[in-house]
Amino acid sequence: MRLISLVPLLCGLAVVAQAGLNRRFAGQWGLLSAVLMNMVVATVATFAVYAVARSVPGFWPEAAAPAGSGRLFDGFTVWHLLPGLCGVLIVVGMPWAIGRLGAVQSALLLMAAQLLTSLVWDAMVEGRPATLARVVGSAVAFAGAAIAVWKG
Protein backbone atom coordinates (compact mmCIF):
# COMPACT_ATOMS: atom_id res chain seq x y z
CA MET A 1 0.00 0.00 0.00
CA ARG A 2 1.31 3.44 -0.92
CA LEU A 3 1.73 5.91 1.92
CA ILE A 4 -0.75 8.34 0.30
CA SER A 5 -3.44 5.67 0.78
CA LEU A 6 -3.28 6.36 4.49
CA VAL A 7 -4.57 9.90 3.97
CA PRO A 8 -8.15 8.93 2.93
CA LEU A 9 -8.17 6.28 5.66
CA LEU A 10 -7.25 8.92 8.24
CA CYS A 11 -9.87 11.24 6.77
CA GLY A 12 -12.51 8.52 7.15
CA LEU A 13 -11.48 8.04 10.76
CA ALA A 14 -11.58 11.81 11.28
CA VAL A 15 -15.11 12.18 9.84
CA VAL A 16 -16.53 9.67 12.31
CA ALA A 17 -14.43 10.90 15.26
CA GLN A 18 -15.31 14.54 14.56
CA ALA A 19 -19.02 13.82 14.19
CA GLY A 20 -19.13 11.51 17.20
CA LEU A 21 -17.29 13.95 19.44
CA ASN A 22 -19.39 16.88 18.24
CA ARG A 23 -22.46 14.78 19.02
CA ARG A 24 -21.16 14.24 22.57
CA PHE A 25 -20.26 17.91 22.99
CA ALA A 26 -23.68 18.90 21.64
CA GLY A 27 -25.21 17.21 24.68
CA GLN A 28 -23.13 19.55 26.82
CA TRP A 29 -23.35 22.83 24.88
CA GLY A 30 -25.89 22.35 22.10
CA LEU A 31 -25.05 21.32 18.55
CA LEU A 32 -24.41 24.79 17.12
CA SER A 33 -22.10 25.75 20.01
CA ALA A 34 -20.14 22.53 19.53
CA VAL A 35 -19.91 23.22 15.78
CA LEU A 36 -18.80 26.81 16.43
CA MET A 37 -15.97 25.56 18.68
CA ASN A 38 -15.07 23.00 15.99
CA MET A 39 -14.88 25.68 13.31
CA VAL A 40 -12.87 28.11 15.47
CA VAL A 41 -10.28 25.39 16.14
CA ALA A 42 -10.27 24.44 12.44
CA THR A 43 -9.77 28.07 11.42
CA VAL A 44 -6.87 28.61 13.83
CA ALA A 45 -5.26 25.32 12.75
CA THR A 46 -5.68 26.23 9.07
CA PHE A 47 -4.01 29.60 9.61
CA ALA A 48 -1.12 27.86 11.42
CA VAL A 49 -0.61 25.30 8.62
CA TYR A 50 -0.90 28.06 6.01
CA ALA A 51 1.70 30.18 7.81
CA VAL A 52 4.14 27.28 8.03
CA ALA A 53 3.59 26.27 4.38
CA ARG A 54 4.15 29.86 3.19
CA SER A 55 7.14 30.63 5.40
CA VAL A 56 9.13 27.36 5.26
CA PRO A 57 10.32 26.79 1.69
CA GLY A 58 9.86 23.22 0.55
CA PHE A 59 7.63 22.24 3.49
CA TRP A 60 4.57 21.70 1.30
CA PRO A 61 5.14 23.56 -1.96
CA GLU A 62 2.01 22.42 -3.82
CA ALA A 63 -0.21 23.51 -0.92
CA ALA A 64 1.39 26.91 -0.37
CA ALA A 65 0.54 28.49 -3.74
CA PRO A 66 0.15 27.35 -7.32
CA ALA A 67 3.05 28.05 -9.65
CA GLY A 68 2.88 31.56 -11.07
CA SER A 69 0.04 32.62 -8.80
CA GLY A 70 -0.55 36.27 -8.18
CA ARG A 71 -2.17 37.88 -5.19
CA LEU A 72 -4.05 36.01 -2.50
CA PHE A 73 -7.58 35.05 -3.65
CA ASP A 74 -6.99 36.45 -7.14
CA GLY A 75 -9.99 35.58 -9.36
CA PHE A 76 -12.37 34.97 -6.44
CA THR A 77 -15.96 34.05 -7.34
CA VAL A 78 -18.99 33.01 -5.30
CA TRP A 79 -18.20 29.38 -6.28
CA HIS A 80 -15.12 29.56 -4.06
CA LEU A 81 -17.43 29.64 -1.02
CA LEU A 82 -18.96 26.24 -1.81
CA PRO A 83 -16.28 24.03 -0.17
CA GLY A 84 -16.62 25.93 3.10
CA LEU A 85 -20.39 25.57 3.00
CA CYS A 86 -19.97 21.84 2.32
CA GLY A 87 -17.73 21.67 5.39
CA VAL A 88 -20.38 23.31 7.55
CA LEU A 89 -22.99 20.86 6.22
CA ILE A 90 -20.75 17.91 7.13
CA VAL A 91 -19.85 19.29 10.56
CA VAL A 92 -23.46 20.09 11.46
CA GLY A 93 -25.16 17.22 9.64
CA MET A 94 -23.10 14.21 10.73
CA PRO A 95 -23.45 14.67 14.51
CA TRP A 96 -27.16 15.31 14.01
CA ALA A 97 -27.49 12.14 11.90
CA ILE A 98 -25.45 10.06 14.36
CA GLY A 99 -27.82 11.08 17.14
CA ARG A 100 -30.80 9.77 15.15
CA LEU A 101 -29.38 6.89 13.09
CA GLY A 102 -26.22 5.85 14.92
CA ALA A 103 -22.63 6.10 13.71
CA VAL A 104 -22.66 2.99 11.48
CA GLN A 105 -25.76 3.92 9.49
CA SER A 106 -24.68 7.55 9.21
CA ALA A 107 -21.20 6.60 8.02
CA LEU A 108 -22.57 4.05 5.54
CA LEU A 109 -24.99 6.57 4.05
CA LEU A 110 -22.17 9.12 3.89
CA MET A 111 -19.98 6.55 2.14
CA ALA A 112 -22.72 5.62 -0.33
CA ALA A 113 -23.23 9.27 -1.27
CA GLN A 114 -19.47 9.76 -1.54
CA LEU A 115 -19.13 6.77 -3.88
CA LEU A 116 -21.86 7.94 -6.21
CA THR A 117 -20.63 11.52 -6.21
CA SER A 118 -17.03 10.36 -6.70
CA LEU A 119 -17.93 8.32 -9.79
CA VAL A 120 -19.61 11.35 -11.33
CA TRP A 121 -16.83 13.74 -10.26
CA ASP A 122 -14.06 11.54 -11.63
CA ALA A 123 -15.84 11.14 -14.96
CA MET A 124 -17.00 14.72 -15.43
CA VAL A 125 -14.32 16.81 -13.70
CA GLU A 126 -11.14 14.74 -13.46
CA GLY A 127 -11.53 12.95 -16.80
CA ARG A 128 -11.21 9.49 -15.20
CA PRO A 129 -13.80 7.21 -16.77
CA ALA A 130 -16.28 5.19 -14.75
CA THR A 131 -14.79 1.78 -15.57
CA LEU A 132 -16.71 -1.44 -15.01
CA ALA A 133 -14.53 -2.26 -11.98
CA ARG A 134 -15.20 1.14 -10.39
CA VAL A 135 -18.92 0.97 -11.04
CA VAL A 136 -19.28 -2.63 -9.78
CA GLY A 137 -17.10 -1.96 -6.73
CA SER A 138 -19.10 1.14 -5.88
CA ALA A 139 -22.39 -0.68 -6.47
CA VAL A 140 -21.36 -3.50 -4.11
CA ALA A 141 -20.37 -1.01 -1.41
CA PHE A 142 -23.56 0.98 -2.04
CA ALA A 143 -25.64 -2.22 -1.76
CA GLY A 144 -23.90 -3.09 1.50
CA ALA A 145 -24.71 0.34 2.88
CA ALA A 146 -28.34 0.00 1.76
CA ILE A 147 -28.68 -3.42 3.44
CA ALA A 148 -27.16 -2.17 6.69
CA VAL A 149 -29.44 0.88 6.74
CA TRP A 150 -32.55 -1.07 5.71
CA LYS A 151 -31.95 -3.90 8.19
CA GLY A 152 -30.25 -1.61 10.73
C-alpha atoms as a PDB file:
ATOM      1  CA  MET A   1       0.000   0.000   0.000  1.00  0.00           C
ATOM      2  CA  ARG A   2       1.307   3.436  -0.918  1.00  0.00           C
ATOM      3  CA  LEU A   3       1.726   5.909   1.915  1.00  0.00           C
ATOM      4  CA  ILE A   4      -0.754   8.339   0.298  1.00  0.00           C
ATOM      5  CA  SER A   5      -3.440   5.668   0.776  1.00  0.00           C
ATOM      6  CA  LEU A   6      -3.277   6.355   4.492  1.00  0.00           C
ATOM      7  CA  VAL A   7      -4.575   9.901   3.970  1.00  0.00           C
ATOM      8  CA  PRO A   8      -8.145   8.927   2.935  1.00  0.00           C
ATOM      9  CA  LEU A   9      -8.175   6.280   5.662  1.00  0.00           C
ATOM     10  CA  LEU A  10      -7.248   8.916   8.241  1.00  0.00           C
ATOM     11  CA  CYS A  11      -9.870  11.238   6.767  1.00  0.00           C
ATOM     12  CA  GLY A  12     -12.510   8.518   7.151  1.00  0.00           C
ATOM     13  CA  LEU A  13     -11.482   8.042  10.764  1.00  0.00           C
ATOM     14  CA  ALA A  14     -11.581  11.815  11.276  1.00  0.00           C
ATOM     15  CA  VAL A  15     -15.112  12.185   9.844  1.00  0.00           C
ATOM     16  CA  VAL A  16     -16.531   9.672  12.314  1.00  0.00           C
ATOM     17  CA  ALA A  17     -14.430  10.897  15.255  1.00  0.00           C
ATOM     18  CA  GLN A  18     -15.312  14.543  14.561  1.00  0.00           C
ATOM     19  CA  ALA A  19     -19.020  13.817  14.193  1.00  0.00           C
ATOM     20  CA  GLY A  20     -19.131  11.510  17.202  1.00  0.00           C
ATOM     21  CA  LEU A  21     -17.286  13.946  19.437  1.00  0.00           C
ATOM     22  CA  ASN A  22     -19.388  16.884  18.242  1.00  0.00           C
ATOM     23  CA  ARG A  23     -22.461  14.776  19.018  1.00  0.00           C
ATOM     24  CA  ARG A  24     -21.162  14.245  22.568  1.00  0.00           C
ATOM     25  CA  PHE A  25     -20.262  17.914  22.990  1.00  0.00           C
ATOM     26  CA  ALA A  26     -23.679  18.901  21.636  1.00  0.00           C
ATOM     27  CA  GLY A  27     -25.205  17.215  24.677  1.00  0.00           C
ATOM     28  CA  GLN A  28     -23.132  19.552  26.819  1.00  0.00           C
ATOM     29  CA  TRP A  29     -23.345  22.829  24.883  1.00  0.00           C
ATOM     30  CA  GLY A  30     -25.891  22.346  22.100  1.00  0.00           C
ATOM     31  CA  LEU A  31     -25.047  21.321  18.553  1.00  0.00           C
ATOM     32  CA  LEU A  32     -24.413  24.786  17.124  1.00  0.00           C
ATOM     33  CA  SER A  33     -22.104  25.750  20.008  1.00  0.00           C
ATOM     34  CA  ALA A  34     -20.143  22.528  19.526  1.00  0.00           C
ATOM     35  CA  VAL A  35     -19.910  23.216  15.784  1.00  0.00           C
ATOM     36  CA  LEU A  36     -18.802  26.807  16.435  1.00  0.00           C
ATOM     37  CA  MET A  37     -15.971  25.556  18.680  1.00  0.00           C
ATOM     38  CA  ASN A  38     -15.065  22.996  15.995  1.00  0.00           C
ATOM     39  CA  MET A  39     -14.885  25.678  13.308  1.00  0.00           C
ATOM     40  CA  VAL A  40     -12.865  28.106  15.465  1.00  0.00           C
ATOM     41  CA  VAL A  41     -10.280  25.394  16.139  1.00  0.00           C
ATOM     42  CA  ALA A  42     -10.273  24.442  12.439  1.00  0.00           C
ATOM     43  CA  THR A  43      -9.772  28.074  11.423  1.00  0.00           C
ATOM     44  CA  VAL A  44      -6.871  28.606  13.828  1.00  0.00           C
ATOM     45  CA  ALA A  45      -5.260  25.316  12.754  1.00  0.00           C
ATOM     46  CA  THR A  46      -5.685  26.230   9.075  1.00  0.00           C
ATOM     47  CA  PHE A  47      -4.008  29.602   9.611  1.00  0.00           C
ATOM     48  CA  ALA A  48      -1.123  27.857  11.415  1.00  0.00           C
ATOM     49  CA  VAL A  49      -0.612  25.297   8.625  1.00  0.00           C
ATOM     50  CA  TYR A  50      -0.900  28.056   6.010  1.00  0.00           C
ATOM     51  CA  ALA A  51       1.695  30.182   7.810  1.00  0.00           C
ATOM     52  CA  VAL A  52       4.140  27.285   8.033  1.00  0.00           C
ATOM     53  CA  ALA A  53       3.587  26.274   4.381  1.00  0.00           C
ATOM     54  CA  ARG A  54       4.145  29.859   3.192  1.00  0.00           C
ATOM     55  CA  SER A  55       7.143  30.632   5.404  1.00  0.00           C
ATOM     56  CA  VAL A  56       9.126  27.359   5.258  1.00  0.00           C
ATOM     57  CA  PRO A  57      10.322  26.794   1.686  1.00  0.00           C
ATOM     58  CA  GLY A  58       9.865  23.223   0.553  1.00  0.00           C
ATOM     59  CA  PHE A  59       7.633  22.235   3.491  1.00  0.00           C
ATOM     60  CA  TRP A  60       4.571  21.695   1.301  1.00  0.00           C
ATOM     61  CA  PRO A  61       5.136  23.557  -1.957  1.00  0.00           C
ATOM     62  CA  GLU A  62       2.011  22.416  -3.823  1.00  0.00           C
ATOM     63  CA  ALA A  63      -0.215  23.507  -0.921  1.00  0.00           C
ATOM     64  CA  ALA A  64       1.387  26.909  -0.371  1.00  0.00           C
ATOM     65  CA  ALA A  65       0.545  28.489  -3.737  1.00  0.00           C
ATOM     66  CA  PRO A  66       0.149  27.345  -7.319  1.00  0.00           C
ATOM     67  CA  ALA A  67       3.046  28.052  -9.648  1.00  0.00           C
ATOM     68  CA  GLY A  68       2.878  31.559 -11.072  1.00  0.00           C
ATOM     69  CA  SER A  69       0.040  32.623  -8.802  1.00  0.00           C
ATOM     70  CA  GLY A  70      -0.550  36.266  -8.182  1.00  0.00           C
ATOM     71  CA  ARG A  71      -2.167  37.877  -5.191  1.00  0.00           C
ATOM     72  CA  LEU A  72      -4.051  36.008  -2.505  1.00  0.00           C
ATOM     73  CA  PHE A  73      -7.584  35.050  -3.654  1.00  0.00           C
ATOM     74  CA  ASP A  74      -6.990  36.448  -7.139  1.00  0.00           C
ATOM     75  CA  GLY A  75      -9.987  35.583  -9.358  1.00  0.00           C
ATOM     76  CA  PHE A  76     -12.365  34.968  -6.440  1.00  0.00           C
ATOM     77  CA  THR A  77     -15.960  34.050  -7.340  1.00  0.00           C
ATOM     78  CA  VAL A  78     -18.990  33.010  -5.304  1.00  0.00           C
ATOM     79  CA  TRP A  79     -18.200  29.380  -6.275  1.00  0.00           C
ATOM     80  CA  HIS A  80     -15.119  29.564  -4.058  1.00  0.00           C
ATOM     81  CA  LEU A  81     -17.429  29.644  -1.021  1.00  0.00           C
ATOM     82  CA  LEU A  82     -18.956  26.239  -1.810  1.00  0.00           C
ATOM     83  CA  PRO A  83     -16.277  24.030  -0.175  1.00  0.00           C
ATOM     84  CA  GLY A  84     -16.621  25.926   3.101  1.00  0.00           C
ATOM     85  CA  LEU A  85     -20.392  25.573   3.002  1.00  0.00           C
ATOM     86  CA  CYS A  86     -19.967  21.845   2.320  1.00  0.00           C
ATOM     87  CA  GLY A  87     -17.730  21.666   5.385  1.00  0.00           C
ATOM     88  CA  VAL A  88     -20.381  23.313   7.553  1.00  0.00           C
ATOM     89  CA  LEU A  89     -22.985  20.861   6.222  1.00  0.00           C
ATOM     90  CA  ILE A  90     -20.747  17.912   7.133  1.00  0.00           C
ATOM     91  CA  VAL A  91     -19.846  19.294  10.558  1.00  0.00           C
ATOM     92  CA  VAL A  92     -23.462  20.095  11.461  1.00  0.00           C
ATOM     93  CA  GLY A  93     -25.155  17.215   9.639  1.00  0.00           C
ATOM     94  CA  MET A  94     -23.105  14.214  10.730  1.00  0.00           C
ATOM     95  CA  PRO A  95     -23.450  14.675  14.512  1.00  0.00           C
ATOM     96  CA  TRP A  96     -27.163  15.307  14.013  1.00  0.00           C
ATOM     97  CA  ALA A  97     -27.490  12.142  11.901  1.00  0.00           C
ATOM     98  CA  ILE A  98     -25.446  10.061  14.362  1.00  0.00           C
ATOM     99  CA  GLY A  99     -27.819  11.081  17.136  1.00  0.00           C
ATOM    100  CA  ARG A 100     -30.802   9.774  15.151  1.00  0.00           C
ATOM    101  CA  LEU A 101     -29.384   6.895  13.094  1.00  0.00           C
ATOM    102  CA  GLY A 102     -26.215   5.846  14.917  1.00  0.00           C
ATOM    103  CA  ALA A 103     -22.626   6.096  13.711  1.00  0.00           C
ATOM    104  CA  VAL A 104     -22.662   2.994  11.478  1.00  0.00           C
ATOM    105  CA  GLN A 105     -25.757   3.925   9.493  1.00  0.00           C
ATOM    106  CA  SER A 106     -24.684   7.553   9.209  1.00  0.00           C
ATOM    107  CA  ALA A 107     -21.196   6.603   8.017  1.00  0.00           C
ATOM    108  CA  LEU A 108     -22.571   4.051   5.541  1.00  0.00           C
ATOM    109  CA  LEU A 109     -24.989   6.568   4.053  1.00  0.00           C
ATOM    110  CA  LEU A 110     -22.171   9.119   3.892  1.00  0.00           C
ATOM    111  CA  MET A 111     -19.979   6.553   2.136  1.00  0.00           C
ATOM    112  CA  ALA A 112     -22.722   5.620  -0.328  1.00  0.00           C
ATOM    113  CA  ALA A 113     -23.233   9.268  -1.266  1.00  0.00           C
ATOM    114  CA  GLN A 114     -19.473   9.758  -1.543  1.00  0.00           C
ATOM    115  CA  LEU A 115     -19.127   6.772  -3.877  1.00  0.00           C
ATOM    116  CA  LEU A 116     -21.862   7.936  -6.206  1.00  0.00           C
ATOM    117  CA  THR A 117     -20.626  11.524  -6.206  1.00  0.00           C
ATOM    118  CA  SER A 118     -17.030  10.356  -6.700  1.00  0.00           C
ATOM    119  CA  LEU A 119     -17.925   8.323  -9.787  1.00  0.00           C
ATOM    120  CA  VAL A 120     -19.612  11.347 -11.327  1.00  0.00           C
ATOM    121  CA  TRP A 121     -16.831  13.737 -10.257  1.00  0.00           C
ATOM    122  CA  ASP A 122     -14.056  11.535 -11.627  1.00  0.00           C
ATOM    123  CA  ALA A 123     -15.836  11.138 -14.957  1.00  0.00           C
ATOM    124  CA  MET A 124     -16.998  14.724 -15.433  1.00  0.00           C
ATOM    125  CA  VAL A 125     -14.321  16.808 -13.704  1.00  0.00           C
ATOM    126  CA  GLU A 126     -11.138  14.744 -13.462  1.00  0.00           C
ATOM    127  CA  GLY A 127     -11.526  12.946 -16.796  1.00  0.00           C
ATOM    128  CA  ARG A 128     -11.207   9.486 -15.202  1.00  0.00           C
ATOM    129  CA  PRO A 129     -13.796   7.215 -16.775  1.00  0.00           C
ATOM    130  CA  ALA A 130     -16.280   5.190 -14.747  1.00  0.00           C
ATOM    131  CA  THR A 131     -14.791   1.777 -15.567  1.00  0.00           C
ATOM    132  CA  LEU A 132     -16.711  -1.435 -15.008  1.00  0.00           C
ATOM    133  CA  ALA A 133     -14.532  -2.264 -11.984  1.00  0.00           C
ATOM    134  CA  ARG A 134     -15.197   1.139 -10.387  1.00  0.00           C
ATOM    135  CA  VAL A 135     -18.925   0.974 -11.038  1.00  0.00           C
ATOM    136  CA  VAL A 136     -19.280  -2.627  -9.784  1.00  0.00           C
ATOM    137  CA  GLY A 137     -17.103  -1.963  -6.731  1.00  0.00           C
ATOM    138  CA  SER A 138     -19.099   1.139  -5.883  1.00  0.00           C
ATOM    139  CA  ALA A 139     -22.390  -0.681  -6.472  1.00  0.00           C
ATOM    140  CA  VAL A 140     -21.363  -3.504  -4.105  1.00  0.00           C
ATOM    141  CA  ALA A 141     -20.373  -1.007  -1.412  1.00  0.00           C
ATOM    142  CA  PHE A 142     -23.560   0.978  -2.035  1.00  0.00           C
ATOM    143  CA  ALA A 143     -25.636  -2.221  -1.759  1.00  0.00           C
ATOM    144  CA  GLY A 144     -23.899  -3.092   1.499  1.00  0.00           C
ATOM    145  CA  ALA A 145     -24.712   0.338   2.885  1.00  0.00           C
ATOM    146  CA  ALA A 146     -28.337  -0.002   1.762  1.00  0.00           C
ATOM    147  CA  ILE A 147     -28.678  -3.422   3.435  1.00  0.00           C
ATOM    148  CA  ALA A 148     -27.162  -2.170   6.694  1.00  0.00           C
ATOM    149  CA  VAL A 149     -29.443   0.876   6.740  1.00  0.00           C
ATOM    150  CA  TRP A 150     -32.550  -1.068   5.709  1.00  0.00           C
ATOM    151  CA  LYS A 151     -31.945  -3.902   8.192  1.00  0.00           C
ATOM    152  CA  GLY A 152     -30.246  -1.606  10.732  1.00  0.00           C
END
